[in-house]
Amino acid sequence: MSPASPLVVVGVATRLRPDGLRRLGASLAAQTGLDDVRPALVVVDNDPDGSSRAVAAELRETLPWPVTYEVEPDPGIPAARRRTVALALEAGADALVFVDDDEEAPPGWLAALVGHWQASGADAVTGPARRRLPADAPGWARTSDLFDPTGRHRTGERMTKAYTNNALVSRAVLERLDVPFDDAFRHTGSSDLHFFLRAVREGFDVQWCEEAVVEEHIGAARLDWGWYVRRAYRSGAGDTVARRLLDPGPRTVLEVLARALARTGHGVVLAPLSLVRPELRSLAVRRLASGAGTLAGLFGHNYEEYRRADSV
């Protein structure tokens, strides 16, 4: 490793998930293929009490990278993500890699992201977030694509959107997009979708890397129909709000209406089929809830999932 090697900061925004952060940290310590990279870790704790401070101290002892830990007392995911960006830029990062605190990274994950970024010249790179369900997860959860929203793409495919559960973003993008995560999404989520939609609109090249896989652990609280319907609704509404913030004109309204109709129509078709094919039930429910949320977003309505103290 030389001083000319790129400084790649892995940024984690966390809140009340010390065990998840510890598991993620262990997987980062096992990363391989980073001989020509200078990795570092930034942890931003959105709990004013600093509940992950002790875990960050552990990571300083076990992770062979520089570790920075700071508390962001301003509540909400956008504030935590903005602090992560600020710390990465202050450190001189060439790229910032976002990953969530409920995820685990296989050994070649970071090398795959960085390798594709360097080889392709892309401005940002994203990859799959595969869901790891508990052994006793109900059948409907195993057949739902809500737990695998990124789908499958070929490596090098240009993306029109991405999320911060698994994404590398170059310094050029971070410096161009001032106020990178909008407070309009403080309690609802989707600030990351809005960020990447902005990046694409600015002409930045966002590419897929199928080999850069992370695994997301799905907790028991998410294996509930109520949570499932609310999340599907929120995802649809967040998508609409993000797109309308970028372009509030009639073209966006028409596109949203078409998207809402398609999602709802798909759900209506799947609903009767699910009576004889139970594996379709979760898909039907998701399409109907997402369609309703997509339409509600036109009127500025969203579900404030992260306002609740027990949100997951």
C-alpha atoms as a PDB file:
ATOM      1  CA  MET A   1       0.000   0.000   0.000  1.00  0.00           C
ATOM      2  CA  SER A   2       1.345   3.403  -0.960  1.00  0.00           C
ATOM      3  CA  PRO A   3       0.300   6.973  -0.074  1.00  0.00           C
ATOM      4  CA  ALA A   4      -1.129   7.151  -3.601  1.00  0.00           C
ATOM      5  CA  SER A   5      -3.572   4.336  -2.804  1.00  0.00           C
ATOM      6  CA  PRO A   6      -7.150   5.645  -2.623  1.00  0.00           C
ATOM      7  CA  LEU A   7      -8.558   6.408   0.802  1.00  0.00           C
ATOM      8  CA  VAL A   8     -11.892   4.612   0.977  1.00  0.00           C
ATOM      9  CA  VAL A   9     -14.028   5.381   4.019  1.00  0.00           C
ATOM     10  CA  VAL A  10     -16.736   2.923   5.043  1.00  0.00           C
ATOM     11  CA  GLY A  11     -19.505   4.973   6.648  1.00  0.00           C
ATOM     12  CA  VAL A  12     -22.103   3.522   9.014  1.00  0.00           C
ATOM     13  CA  ALA A  13     -25.010   5.489  10.461  1.00  0.00           C
ATOM     14  CA  THR A  14     -26.330   3.616  13.494  1.00  0.00           C
ATOM     15  CA  ARG A  15     -28.933   3.947  16.206  1.00  0.00           C
ATOM     16  CA  LEU A  16     -29.642   1.503  19.036  1.00  0.00           C
ATOM     17  CA  ARG A  17     -28.112  -1.457  17.220  1.00  0.00           C
ATOM     18  CA  PRO A  18     -24.831  -2.150  19.019  1.00  0.00           C
ATOM     19  CA  ASP A  19     -25.014  -5.880  18.335  1.00  0.00           C
ATOM     20  CA  GLY A  20     -25.558  -5.307  14.631  1.00  0.00           C
ATOM     21  CA  LEU A  21     -22.677  -2.833  14.519  1.00  0.00           C
ATOM     22  CA  ARG A  22     -20.424  -5.345  16.278  1.00  0.00           C
ATOM     23  CA  ARG A  23     -21.348  -8.057  13.755  1.00  0.00           C
ATOM     24  CA  LEU A  24     -20.745  -5.686  10.834  1.00  0.00           C
ATOM     25  CA  GLY A  25     -17.406  -4.664  12.316  1.00  0.00           C
ATOM     26  CA  ALA A  26     -16.297  -8.296  12.571  1.00  0.00           C
ATOM     27  CA  SER A  27     -17.109  -8.791   8.894  1.00  0.00           C
ATOM     28  CA  LEU A  28     -15.143  -5.660   7.970  1.00  0.00           C
ATOM     29  CA  ALA A  29     -12.123  -6.992   9.853  1.00  0.00           C
ATOM     30  CA  ALA A  30     -12.269 -10.085   7.616  1.00  0.00           C
ATOM     31  CA  GLN A  31     -12.171  -8.154   4.323  1.00  0.00           C
ATOM     32  CA  THR A  32      -9.588  -9.339   1.795  1.00  0.00           C
ATOM     33  CA  GLY A  33      -7.952  -8.024  -1.388  1.00  0.00           C
ATOM     34  CA  LEU A  34      -7.347  -4.498  -0.092  1.00  0.00           C
ATOM     35  CA  ASP A  35      -3.580  -4.300  -0.621  1.00  0.00           C
ATOM     36  CA  ASP A  36      -3.900  -1.199  -2.823  1.00  0.00           C
ATOM     37  CA  VAL A  37      -6.569   0.540  -0.765  1.00  0.00           C
ATOM     38  CA  ARG A  38      -6.354   2.646   2.404  1.00  0.00           C
ATOM     39  CA  PRO A  39      -9.590   1.709   4.211  1.00  0.00           C
ATOM     40  CA  ALA A  40     -11.054   3.564   7.180  1.00  0.00           C
ATOM     41  CA  LEU A  41     -14.279   3.342   9.170  1.00  0.00           C
ATOM     42  CA  VAL A  42     -16.569   6.177  10.257  1.00  0.00           C
ATOM     43  CA  VAL A  43     -19.406   5.418  12.671  1.00  0.00           C
ATOM     44  CA  VAL A  44     -22.055   8.072  13.275  1.00  0.00           C
ATOM     45  CA  ASP A  45     -24.340   7.294  16.200  1.00  0.00           C
ATOM     46  CA  ASN A  46     -27.771   8.935  15.975  1.00  0.00           C
ATOM     47  CA  ASP A  47     -28.479   8.061  19.597  1.00  0.00           C
ATOM     48  CA  PRO A  48     -27.746  11.156  21.749  1.00  0.00           C
ATOM     49  CA  ASP A  49     -26.732   8.801  24.577  1.00  0.00           C
ATOM     50  CA  GLY A  50     -24.025   7.247  22.424  1.00  0.00           C
ATOM     51  CA  SER A  51     -25.176   3.663  22.879  1.00  0.00           C
ATOM     52  CA  SER A  52     -22.628   2.355  20.338  1.00  0.00           C
ATOM     53  CA  ARG A  53     -19.617   4.126  21.837  1.00  0.00           C
ATOM     54  CA  ALA A  54     -18.354   0.964  23.543  1.00  0.00           C
ATOM     55  CA  VAL A  55     -18.665  -1.053  20.325  1.00  0.00           C
ATOM     56  CA  ALA A  56     -16.709   1.594  18.433  1.00  0.00           C
ATOM     57  CA  ALA A  57     -13.983   1.339  21.073  1.00  0.00           C
ATOM     58  CA  GLU A  58     -13.905  -2.422  20.518  1.00  0.00           C
ATOM     59  CA  LEU A  59     -13.585  -1.896  16.774  1.00  0.00           C
ATOM     60  CA  ARG A  60     -10.565   0.360  17.286  1.00  0.00           C
ATOM     61  CA  GLU A  61      -8.879  -2.645  18.900  1.00  0.00           C
ATOM     62  CA  THR A  62      -9.945  -5.314  16.417  1.00  0.00           C
ATOM     63  CA  LEU A  63     -10.163  -3.553  13.049  1.00  0.00           C
ATOM     64  CA  PRO A  64      -6.851  -2.894  11.283  1.00  0.00           C
ATOM     65  CA  TRP A  65      -8.172   0.449   9.979  1.00  0.00           C
ATOM     66  CA  PRO A  66      -8.522   3.923  11.464  1.00  0.00           C
ATOM     67  CA  VAL A  67     -11.886   4.178  13.245  1.00  0.00           C
ATOM     68  CA  THR A  68     -13.753   7.449  13.844  1.00  0.00           C
ATOM     69  CA  TYR A  69     -16.820   7.569  16.082  1.00  0.00           C
ATOM     70  CA  GLU A  70     -19.079  10.578  16.564  1.00  0.00           C
ATOM     71  CA  VAL A  71     -22.537  11.179  17.951  1.00  0.00           C
ATOM     72  CA  GLU A  72     -25.032  13.092  15.797  1.00  0.00           C
ATOM     73  CA  PRO A  73     -27.724  14.278  18.249  1.00  0.00           C
ATOM     74  CA  ASP A  74     -29.988  15.772  15.567  1.00  0.00           C
ATOM     75  CA  PRO A  75     -32.594  13.013  15.129  1.00  0.00           C
ATOM     76  CA  GLY A  76     -33.230  11.433  11.761  1.00  0.00           C
ATOM     77  CA  ILE A  77     -31.361   9.435   9.147  1.00  0.00           C
ATOM     78  CA  PRO A  78     -30.564  12.453   6.902  1.00  0.00           C
ATOM     79  CA  ALA A  79     -28.629  14.194   9.696  1.00  0.00           C
ATOM     80  CA  ALA A  80     -26.618  11.050  10.465  1.00  0.00           C
ATOM     81  CA  ARG A  81     -25.808  10.502   6.798  1.00  0.00           C
ATOM     82  CA  ARG A  82     -24.782  14.150   6.315  1.00  0.00           C
ATOM     83  CA  ARG A  83     -22.401  13.878   9.267  1.00  0.00           C
ATOM     84  CA  THR A  84     -20.965  10.704   7.728  1.00  0.00           C
ATOM     85  CA  VAL A  85     -20.321  12.557   4.462  1.00  0.00           C
ATOM     86  CA  ALA A  86     -18.753  15.508   6.278  1.00  0.00           C
ATOM     87  CA  LEU A  87     -16.383  13.284   8.246  1.00  0.00           C
ATOM     88  CA  ALA A  88     -15.345  11.370   5.125  1.00  0.00           C
ATOM     89  CA  LEU A  89     -14.607  14.577   3.216  1.00  0.00           C
ATOM     90  CA  GLU A  90     -12.674  16.030   6.159  1.00  0.00           C
ATOM     91  CA  ALA A  91     -10.546  12.871   6.225  1.00  0.00           C
ATOM     92  CA  GLY A  92      -9.693  13.362   2.537  1.00  0.00           C
ATOM     93  CA  ALA A  93     -11.613  10.313   1.321  1.00  0.00           C
ATOM     94  CA  ASP A  94     -11.476   9.519  -2.370  1.00  0.00           C
ATOM     95  CA  ALA A  95     -14.689   7.531  -1.963  1.00  0.00           C
ATOM     96  CA  LEU A  96     -17.276   6.876   0.726  1.00  0.00           C
ATOM     97  CA  VAL A  97     -18.888   3.455   1.021  1.00  0.00           C
ATOM     98  CA  PHE A  98     -22.295   3.339   2.699  1.00  0.00           C
ATOM     99  CA  VAL A  99     -23.423   0.192   4.490  1.00  0.00           C
ATOM    100  CA  ASP A 100     -26.144  -0.378   7.107  1.00  0.00           C
ATOM    101  CA  ASP A 101     -25.688  -1.471  10.706  1.00  0.00           C
ATOM    102  CA  ASP A 102     -27.862  -4.563  10.261  1.00  0.00           C
ATOM    103  CA  GLU A 103     -25.703  -5.941   7.476  1.00  0.00           C
ATOM    104  CA  GLU A 104     -22.763  -8.295   7.186  1.00  0.00           C
ATOM    105  CA  ALA A 105     -20.150  -8.109   4.435  1.00  0.00           C
ATOM    106  CA  PRO A 106     -18.549 -11.239   2.921  1.00  0.00           C
ATOM    107  CA  PRO A 107     -14.726 -11.054   2.730  1.00  0.00           C
ATOM    108  CA  GLY A 108     -14.472  -9.862  -0.885  1.00  0.00           C
ATOM    109  CA  TRP A 109     -17.224  -7.249  -0.706  1.00  0.00           C
ATOM    110  CA  LEU A 110     -15.208  -4.048  -0.356  1.00  0.00           C
ATOM    111  CA  ALA A 111     -12.551  -5.167  -2.850  1.00  0.00           C
ATOM    112  CA  ALA A 112     -15.300  -5.866  -5.403  1.00  0.00           C
ATOM    113  CA  LEU A 113     -16.860  -2.414  -4.968  1.00  0.00           C
ATOM    114  CA  VAL A 114     -13.534  -0.601  -5.133  1.00  0.00           C
ATOM    115  CA  GLY A 115     -12.245  -2.746  -7.981  1.00  0.00           C
ATOM    116  CA  HIS A 116     -15.270  -2.038 -10.145  1.00  0.00           C
ATOM    117  CA  TRP A 117     -15.093   1.680  -9.327  1.00  0.00           C
ATOM    118  CA  GLN A 118     -11.449   1.850 -10.370  1.00  0.00           C
ATOM    119  CA  ALA A 119     -11.808  -0.316 -13.473  1.00  0.00           C
ATOM    120  CA  SER A 120     -14.997   1.273 -14.809  1.00  0.00           C
ATOM    121  CA  GLY A 121     -14.470   4.927 -13.977  1.00  0.00           C
ATOM    122  CA  ALA A 122     -18.025   5.041 -12.593  1.00  0.00           C
ATOM    123  CA  ASP A 123     -18.912   7.832 -10.189  1.00  0.00           C
ATOM    124  CA  ALA A 124     -20.794   5.463  -7.886  1.00  0.00           C
ATOM    125  CA  VAL A 125     -21.136   1.704  -7.583  1.00  0.00           C
ATOM    126  CA  THR A 126     -23.894  -0.276  -5.905  1.00  0.00           C
ATOM    127  CA  GLY A 127     -24.560  -3.962  -5.425  1.00  0.00           C
ATOM    128  CA  PRO A 128     -26.978  -6.524  -4.017  1.00  0.00           C
ATOM    129  CA  ALA A 129     -28.273  -6.545  -0.447  1.00  0.00           C
ATOM    130  CA  ARG A 130     -29.411 -10.122   0.054  1.00  0.00           C
ATOM    131  CA  ARG A 131     -31.766 -10.675   2.945  1.00  0.00           C
ATOM    132  CA  ARG A 132     -30.965 -13.268   5.603  1.00  0.00           C
ATOM    133  CA  LEU A 133     -34.195 -14.409   7.217  1.00  0.00           C
ATOM    134  CA  PRO A 134     -34.358 -16.353  10.499  1.00  0.00           C
ATOM    135  CA  ALA A 135     -34.975 -20.085  10.232  1.00  0.00           C
ATOM    136  CA  ASP A 136     -38.531 -19.729  11.543  1.00  0.00           C
ATOM    137  CA  ALA A 137     -39.517 -16.932   9.121  1.00  0.00           C
ATOM    138  CA  PRO A 138     -43.060 -17.368   7.757  1.00  0.00           C
ATOM    139  CA  GLY A 139     -43.529 -18.514   4.187  1.00  0.00           C
ATOM    140  CA  TRP A 140     -44.978 -15.191   3.033  1.00  0.00           C
ATOM    141  CA  ALA A 141     -41.756 -13.404   4.009  1.00  0.00           C
ATOM    142  CA  ARG A 142     -39.677 -15.826   1.940  1.00  0.00           C
ATOM    143  CA  THR A 143     -41.667 -15.163  -1.215  1.00  0.00           C
ATOM    144  CA  SER A 144     -41.837 -11.366  -0.930  1.00  0.00           C
ATOM    145  CA  ASP A 145     -39.549  -9.177  -2.991  1.00  0.00           C
ATOM    146  CA  LEU A 146     -39.812  -6.450  -0.331  1.00  0.00           C
ATOM    147  CA  PHE A 147     -36.867  -8.196   1.299  1.00  0.00           C
ATOM    148  CA  ASP A 148     -34.875  -8.100  -1.957  1.00  0.00           C
ATOM    149  CA  PRO A 149     -35.747  -4.717  -3.503  1.00  0.00           C
ATOM    150  CA  THR A 150     -32.625  -4.244  -5.607  1.00  0.00           C
ATOM    151  CA  GLY A 151     -33.302  -7.256  -7.823  1.00  0.00           C
ATOM    152  CA  ARG A 152     -30.655  -8.678 -10.129  1.00  0.00           C
ATOM    153  CA  HIS A 153     -28.598  -6.804 -12.708  1.00  0.00           C
ATOM    154  CA  ARG A 154     -25.487  -7.479 -14.721  1.00  0.00           C
ATOM    155  CA  THR A 155     -22.205  -6.030 -13.558  1.00  0.00           C
ATOM    156  CA  GLY A 156     -21.579  -2.714 -15.299  1.00  0.00           C
ATOM    157  CA  GLU A 157     -25.261  -1.954 -15.875  1.00  0.00           C
ATOM    158  CA  ARG A 158     -26.072   1.729 -15.460  1.00  0.00           C
ATOM    159  CA  MET A 159     -28.559   2.319 -12.677  1.00  0.00           C
ATOM    160  CA  THR A 160     -31.230   4.991 -12.430  1.00  0.00           C
ATOM    161  CA  LYS A 161     -31.343   4.742  -8.640  1.00  0.00           C
ATOM    162  CA  ALA A 162     -29.524   3.214  -5.692  1.00  0.00           C
ATOM    163  CA  TYR A 163     -29.641   3.031  -1.897  1.00  0.00           C
ATOM    164  CA  THR A 164     -27.147   3.471   0.932  1.00  0.00           C
ATOM    165  CA  ASN A 165     -27.409  -0.130   2.123  1.00  0.00           C
ATOM    166  CA  ASN A 166     -24.536  -1.004  -0.225  1.00  0.00           C
ATOM    167  CA  ALA A 167     -22.989   1.755  -2.312  1.00  0.00           C
ATOM    168  CA  LEU A 168     -19.654   3.414  -3.042  1.00  0.00           C
ATOM    169  CA  VAL A 169     -19.823   7.125  -3.888  1.00  0.00           C
ATOM    170  CA  SER A 170     -16.864   9.055  -5.262  1.00  0.00           C
ATOM    171  CA  ARG A 171     -15.678  12.319  -3.764  1.00  0.00           C
ATOM    172  CA  ALA A 172     -16.771  14.194  -6.890  1.00  0.00           C
ATOM    173  CA  VAL A 173     -20.412  13.266  -6.261  1.00  0.00           C
ATOM    174  CA  LEU A 174     -20.250  14.165  -2.573  1.00  0.00           C
ATOM    175  CA  GLU A 175     -18.735  17.568  -3.326  1.00  0.00           C
ATOM    176  CA  ARG A 176     -21.233  18.396  -6.082  1.00  0.00           C
ATOM    177  CA  LEU A 177     -24.423  17.534  -4.184  1.00  0.00           C
ATOM    178  CA  ASP A 178     -24.602  20.090  -1.413  1.00  0.00           C
ATOM    179  CA  VAL A 179     -26.881  19.096   1.497  1.00  0.00           C
ATOM    180  CA  PRO A 180     -26.678  15.512   0.253  1.00  0.00           C
ATOM    181  CA  PHE A 181     -29.540  14.084   2.335  1.00  0.00           C
ATOM    182  CA  ASP A 182     -32.691  16.173   2.543  1.00  0.00           C
ATOM    183  CA  ASP A 183     -34.520  16.743   5.830  1.00  0.00           C
ATOM    184  CA  ALA A 184     -37.805  16.269   3.988  1.00  0.00           C
ATOM    185  CA  PHE A 185     -37.150  12.576   4.704  1.00  0.00           C
ATOM    186  CA  ARG A 186     -36.171  13.022   8.364  1.00  0.00           C
ATOM    187  CA  HIS A 187     -38.705  10.508   9.718  1.00  0.00           C
ATOM    188  CA  THR A 188     -39.798   8.655   6.595  1.00  0.00           C
ATOM    189  CA  GLY A 189     -36.746   7.179   4.896  1.00  0.00           C
ATOM    190  CA  SER A 190     -35.975   7.531   1.154  1.00  0.00           C
ATOM    191  CA  SER A 191     -33.387  10.293   1.594  1.00  0.00           C
ATOM    192  CA  ASP A 192     -30.895   7.904  -0.001  1.00  0.00           C
ATOM    193  CA  LEU A 193     -33.166   7.306  -3.002  1.00  0.00           C
ATOM    194  CA  HIS A 194     -33.504  11.086  -3.416  1.00  0.00           C
ATOM    195  CA  PHE A 195     -29.708  11.473  -3.184  1.00  0.00           C
ATOM    196  CA  PHE A 196     -29.023   8.959  -5.954  1.00  0.00           C
ATOM    197  CA  LEU A 197     -31.821  10.289  -8.159  1.00  0.00           C
ATOM    198  CA  ARG A 198     -30.136  13.698  -7.862  1.00  0.00           C
ATOM    199  CA  ALA A 199     -26.760  12.186  -8.736  1.00  0.00           C
ATOM    200  CA  VAL A 200     -28.115  10.561 -11.875  1.00  0.00           C
ATOM    201  CA  ARG A 201     -29.879  13.784 -12.857  1.00  0.00           C
ATOM    202  CA  GLU A 202     -26.550  15.633 -12.469  1.00  0.00           C
ATOM    203  CA  GLY A 203     -25.056  13.268 -15.026  1.00  0.00           C
ATOM    204  CA  PHE A 204     -23.086  11.013 -12.703  1.00  0.00           C
ATOM    205  CA  ASP A 205     -22.591   7.404 -13.763  1.00  0.00           C
ATOM    206  CA  VAL A 206     -24.000   4.933 -11.201  1.00  0.00           C
ATOM    207  CA  GLN A 207     -23.161   1.312 -12.003  1.00  0.00           C
ATOM    208  CA  TRP A 208     -24.075  -2.096 -10.638  1.00  0.00           C
ATOM    209  CA  CYS A 209     -21.574  -4.663  -9.360  1.00  0.00           C
ATOM    210  CA  GLU A 210     -23.245  -8.037  -8.869  1.00  0.00           C
ATOM    211  CA  GLU A 211     -20.174  -9.401  -7.079  1.00  0.00           C
ATOM    212  CA  ALA A 212     -20.267  -6.773  -4.306  1.00  0.00           C
ATOM    213  CA  VAL A 213     -22.819  -8.494  -2.076  1.00  0.00           C
ATOM    214  CA  VAL A 214     -23.837  -7.696   1.490  1.00  0.00           C
ATOM    215  CA  GLU A 215     -26.264  -9.690   3.607  1.00  0.00           C
ATOM    216  CA  GLU A 216     -28.960  -7.944   5.633  1.00  0.00           C
ATOM    217  CA  HIS A 217     -30.237  -9.611   8.784  1.00  0.00           C
ATOM    218  CA  ILE A 218     -34.031  -9.355   9.020  1.00  0.00           C
ATOM    219  CA  GLY A 219     -35.187  -9.109  12.634  1.00  0.00           C
ATOM    220  CA  ALA A 220     -38.330 -10.716  14.020  1.00  0.00           C
ATOM    221  CA  ALA A 221     -40.071  -7.322  14.290  1.00  0.00           C
ATOM    222  CA  ARG A 222     -40.127  -7.101  10.502  1.00  0.00           C
ATOM    223  CA  LEU A 223     -41.827 -10.474  10.077  1.00  0.00           C
ATOM    224  CA  ASP A 224     -45.209  -8.965  10.808  1.00  0.00           C
ATOM    225  CA  TRP A 225     -47.979  -8.116   8.360  1.00  0.00           C
ATOM    226  CA  GLY A 226     -48.513  -4.684   9.909  1.00  0.00           C
ATOM    227  CA  TRP A 227     -44.859  -3.707   9.484  1.00  0.00           C
ATOM    228  CA  TYR A 228     -44.855  -5.188   6.007  1.00  0.00           C
ATOM    229  CA  VAL A 229     -47.848  -3.157   4.800  1.00  0.00           C
ATOM    230  CA  ARG A 230     -46.526   0.068   6.360  1.00  0.00           C
ATOM    231  CA  ARG A 231     -43.071  -0.407   4.798  1.00  0.00           C
ATOM    232  CA  ALA A 232     -44.529  -1.119   1.355  1.00  0.00           C
ATOM    233  CA  TYR A 233     -46.743   1.970   1.640  1.00  0.00           C
ATOM    234  CA  ARG A 234     -43.817   4.092   2.838  1.00  0.00           C
ATOM    235  CA  SER A 235     -41.577   2.883   0.016  1.00  0.00           C
ATOM    236  CA  GLY A 236     -44.152   3.874  -2.589  1.00  0.00           C
ATOM    237  CA  ALA A 237     -44.784   7.266  -0.998  1.00  0.00           C
ATOM    238  CA  GLY A 238     -41.078   7.965  -0.539  1.00  0.00           C
ATOM    239  CA  ASP A 239     -40.412   7.253  -4.193  1.00  0.00           C
ATOM    240  CA  THR A 240     -43.081   9.765  -5.215  1.00  0.00           C
ATOM    241  CA  VAL A 241     -41.950  12.467  -2.788  1.00  0.00           C
ATOM    242  CA  ALA A 242     -38.319  12.085  -3.931  1.00  0.00           C
ATOM    243  CA  ARG A 243     -39.233  12.442  -7.592  1.00  0.00           C
ATOM    244  CA  ARG A 244     -41.551  15.401  -7.003  1.00  0.00           C
ATOM    245  CA  LEU A 245     -38.870  17.252  -5.058  1.00  0.00           C
ATOM    246  CA  LEU A 246     -36.639  16.946  -8.120  1.00  0.00           C
ATOM    247  CA  ASP A 247     -39.341  17.871 -10.616  1.00  0.00           C
ATOM    248  CA  PRO A 248     -42.751  19.050  -9.324  1.00  0.00           C
ATOM    249  CA  GLY A 249     -44.124  19.573 -12.821  1.00  0.00           C
ATOM    250  CA  PRO A 250     -46.967  17.807 -14.634  1.00  0.00           C
ATOM    251  CA  ARG A 251     -44.686  15.271 -16.301  1.00  0.00           C
ATOM    252  CA  THR A 252     -43.726  13.833 -12.920  1.00  0.00           C
ATOM    253  CA  VAL A 253     -47.373  13.768 -11.855  1.00  0.00           C
ATOM    254  CA  LEU A 254     -48.300  11.749 -14.924  1.00  0.00           C
ATOM    255  CA  GLU A 255     -45.394   9.367 -14.393  1.00  0.00           C
ATOM    256  CA  VAL A 256     -46.410   8.861 -10.764  1.00  0.00           C
ATOM    257  CA  LEU A 257     -50.022   8.214 -11.701  1.00  0.00           C
ATOM    258  CA  ALA A 258     -48.902   5.628 -14.249  1.00  0.00           C
ATOM    259  CA  ARG A 259     -46.638   3.982 -11.666  1.00  0.00           C
ATOM    260  CA  ALA A 260     -49.405   3.924  -9.056  1.00  0.00           C
ATOM    261  CA  LEU A 261     -51.843   2.417 -11.544  1.00  0.00           C
ATOM    262  CA  ALA A 262     -49.353  -0.245 -12.610  1.00  0.00           C
ATOM    263  CA  ARG A 263     -48.555  -1.261  -9.040  1.00  0.00           C
ATOM    264  CA  THR A 264     -52.170  -1.306  -7.919  1.00  0.00           C
ATOM    265  CA  GLY A 265     -53.275  -3.128 -11.055  1.00  0.00           C
ATOM    266  CA  HIS A 266     -50.634  -5.780 -10.539  1.00  0.00           C
ATOM    267  CA  GLY A 267     -51.847  -6.243  -6.974  1.00  0.00           C
ATOM    268  CA  VAL A 268     -55.463  -6.556  -8.106  1.00  0.00           C
ATOM    269  CA  VAL A 269     -54.459  -9.264 -10.575  1.00  0.00           C
ATOM    270  CA  LEU A 270     -52.385 -11.141  -8.003  1.00  0.00           C
ATOM    271  CA  ALA A 271     -54.972 -10.973  -5.190  1.00  0.00           C
ATOM    272  CA  PRO A 272     -57.437 -13.600  -6.515  1.00  0.00           C
ATOM    273  CA  LEU A 273     -54.577 -15.784  -7.727  1.00  0.00           C
ATOM    274  CA  SER A 274     -53.161 -15.793  -4.212  1.00  0.00           C
ATOM    275  CA  LEU A 275     -56.257 -17.654  -3.010  1.00  0.00           C
ATOM    276  CA  VAL A 276     -55.022 -20.729  -4.829  1.00  0.00           C
ATOM    277  CA  ARG A 277     -51.326 -19.856  -4.786  1.00  0.00           C
ATOM    278  CA  PRO A 278     -50.508 -18.637  -1.256  1.00  0.00           C
ATOM    279  CA  GLU A 279     -46.941 -17.794  -2.249  1.00  0.00           C
ATOM    280  CA  LEU A 280     -48.365 -14.836  -4.213  1.00  0.00           C
ATOM    281  CA  ARG A 281     -50.127 -13.312  -1.211  1.00  0.00           C
ATOM    282  CA  SER A 282     -47.233 -11.180   0.021  1.00  0.00           C
ATOM    283  CA  LEU A 283     -46.551  -9.951  -3.503  1.00  0.00           C
ATOM    284  CA  ALA A 284     -50.194  -8.920  -3.942  1.00  0.00           C
ATOM    285  CA  VAL A 285     -50.251  -7.095  -0.612  1.00  0.00           C
ATOM    286  CA  ARG A 286     -47.014  -5.307  -1.371  1.00  0.00           C
ATOM    287  CA  ARG A 287     -48.175  -4.116  -4.793  1.00  0.00           C
ATOM    288  CA  LEU A 288     -51.478  -2.816  -3.397  1.00  0.00           C
ATOM    289  CA  ALA A 289     -49.842  -1.035  -0.437  1.00  0.00           C
ATOM    290  CA  SER A 290     -47.046   0.351  -2.595  1.00  0.00           C
ATOM    291  CA  GLY A 291     -49.549   1.596  -5.171  1.00  0.00           C
ATOM    292  CA  ALA A 292     -51.556   3.352  -2.465  1.00  0.00           C
ATOM    293  CA  GLY A 293     -48.396   4.954  -1.079  1.00  0.00           C
ATOM    294  CA  THR A 294     -47.252   6.017  -4.540  1.00  0.00           C
ATOM    295  CA  LEU A 295     -50.526   7.870  -5.032  1.00  0.00           C
ATOM    296  CA  ALA A 296     -50.528   9.345  -1.517  1.00  0.00           C
ATOM    297  CA  GLY A 297     -47.078  10.797  -2.120  1.00  0.00           C
ATOM    298  CA  LEU A 298     -48.584  13.119  -4.725  1.00  0.00           C
ATOM    299  CA  PHE A 299     -50.350  14.868  -1.866  1.00  0.00           C
ATOM    300  CA  GLY A 300     -47.233  14.986   0.267  1.00  0.00           C
ATOM    301  CA  HIS A 301     -48.337  12.154   2.539  1.00  0.00           C
ATOM    302  CA  ASN A 302     -45.873   9.592   3.829  1.00  0.00           C
ATOM    303  CA  TYR A 303     -45.614   7.196   6.750  1.00  0.00           C
ATOM    304  CA  GLU A 304     -43.175   8.505   9.366  1.00  0.00           C
ATOM    305  CA  GLU A 305     -41.680   5.138  10.163  1.00  0.00           C
ATOM    306  CA  TYR A 306     -38.629   6.509  11.929  1.00  0.00           C
ATOM    307  CA  ARG A 307     -40.478   8.885  14.233  1.00  0.00           C
ATOM    308  CA  ARG A 308     -41.503   5.943  16.403  1.00  0.00           C
ATOM    309  CA  ALA A 309     -39.129   5.092  19.235  1.00  0.00           C
ATOM    310  CA  ASP A 310     -39.417   1.370  18.461  1.00  0.00           C
ATOM    311  CA  SER A 311     -38.815   1.644  14.700  1.00  0.00           C
ATOM    312  CA  VAL A 312     -36.557  -0.997  13.168  1.00  0.00           C
END
